[in-house]
Amino acid sequence: MFLIWAILILVAAIQIPRMIKKKQFNTLKVYIPLWLFAGIYASLVVAGAPIPNVTDIILVIQEFIITNVLEPFGFNFLS
């Protein structure tokens, strides 16, 4: 697990100063959360933690959006 974080920190140490120098602050706002997610996900995989399938996660998010966002406005995809 140490090696994963060492590589991720090395990549961030190279990328983040470049983004700051080029004033790519919007890119940086997206890069940091994705970087953290990748690190946490990789750590969980290495630790052998049970991780749900990505498709299952997408289906849960899709169902949430349909039932809580779209259906209240009259959109119904099942009829």
Protein backbone atom coordinates (compact mmCIF):
# COMPACT_ATOMS: atom_id res chain seq x y z
CA MET A 1 0.00 0.00 0.00
CA PHE A 2 2.95 2.29 0.71
CA LEU A 3 4.15 1.92 -2.88
CA ILE A 4 0.75 2.96 -4.26
CA TRP A 5 0.67 6.15 -2.20
CA ALA A 6 4.33 6.88 -3.00
CA ILE A 7 3.57 6.71 -6.73
CA LEU A 8 0.40 8.80 -6.37
CA ILE A 9 2.25 11.43 -4.36
CA LEU A 10 5.03 11.50 -6.96
CA VAL A 11 2.49 12.01 -9.76
CA ALA A 12 0.73 14.75 -7.79
CA ALA A 13 4.05 16.42 -6.97
CA ILE A 14 4.74 16.66 -10.69
CA GLN A 15 1.25 17.58 -11.91
CA ILE A 16 -0.02 20.03 -9.28
CA PRO A 17 2.81 22.60 -9.58
CA ARG A 18 2.38 22.56 -13.37
CA MET A 19 -1.34 23.24 -13.02
CA ILE A 20 -0.72 26.06 -10.57
CA LYS A 21 1.96 27.58 -12.81
CA LYS A 22 -0.41 27.49 -15.80
CA LYS A 23 -3.24 28.85 -13.58
CA GLN A 24 -5.44 25.83 -14.32
CA PHE A 25 -7.40 26.14 -11.10
CA ASN A 26 -10.59 24.56 -12.46
CA THR A 27 -8.59 21.55 -13.60
CA LEU A 28 -7.01 21.40 -10.16
CA LYS A 29 -10.46 21.39 -8.53
CA VAL A 30 -11.29 18.24 -10.49
CA TYR A 31 -7.84 16.65 -10.25
CA ILE A 32 -7.56 16.63 -6.46
CA PRO A 33 -10.84 14.79 -5.70
CA LEU A 34 -10.16 12.28 -8.49
CA TRP A 35 -6.63 11.79 -7.15
CA LEU A 36 -7.97 11.15 -3.66
CA PHE A 37 -10.62 8.75 -4.99
CA ALA A 38 -7.99 6.82 -6.95
CA GLY A 39 -5.75 6.56 -3.90
CA ILE A 40 -8.53 5.38 -1.62
CA TYR A 41 -9.85 2.94 -4.21
CA ALA A 42 -6.38 1.49 -4.86
CA SER A 43 -5.78 1.15 -1.12
CA LEU A 44 -9.05 -0.72 -0.67
CA VAL A 45 -8.23 -3.06 -3.55
CA VAL A 46 -4.78 -3.81 -2.14
CA ALA A 47 -6.23 -4.34 1.35
CA GLY A 48 -8.69 -6.87 -0.08
CA ALA A 49 -11.77 -4.96 1.06
CA PRO A 50 -15.05 -5.96 -0.60
CA ILE A 51 -15.75 -3.29 -3.21
CA PRO A 52 -19.04 -3.21 -5.12
CA ASN A 53 -19.01 -3.54 -8.87
CA VAL A 54 -18.86 -0.17 -10.67
CA THR A 55 -21.97 -1.08 -12.66
CA ASP A 56 -23.93 -1.60 -9.45
CA ILE A 57 -22.87 1.83 -8.19
CA ILE A 58 -23.92 3.47 -11.46
CA LEU A 59 -27.31 1.75 -11.35
CA VAL A 60 -27.92 2.96 -7.78
CA ILE A 61 -27.03 6.54 -8.78
CA GLN A 62 -29.24 6.28 -11.88
CA GLU A 63 -32.18 5.02 -9.84
CA PHE A 64 -31.70 7.83 -7.32
CA ILE A 65 -31.67 10.48 -10.06
CA ILE A 66 -34.74 9.06 -11.79
CA THR A 67 -36.85 8.69 -8.65
CA ASN A 68 -35.77 11.84 -6.80
CA VAL A 69 -34.98 14.31 -9.56
CA LEU A 70 -36.80 13.42 -12.77
CA GLU A 71 -40.05 11.79 -11.62
CA PRO A 72 -41.11 14.74 -9.41
CA PHE A 73 -41.02 16.88 -12.58
CA GLY A 74 -43.22 14.45 -14.50
CA PHE A 75 -40.58 12.42 -16.32
CA ASN A 76 -41.42 8.72 -16.20
CA PHE A 77 -39.20 6.35 -18.13
CA LEU A 78 -40.97 3.13 -17.18
CA SER A 79 -44.29 3.82 -18.87
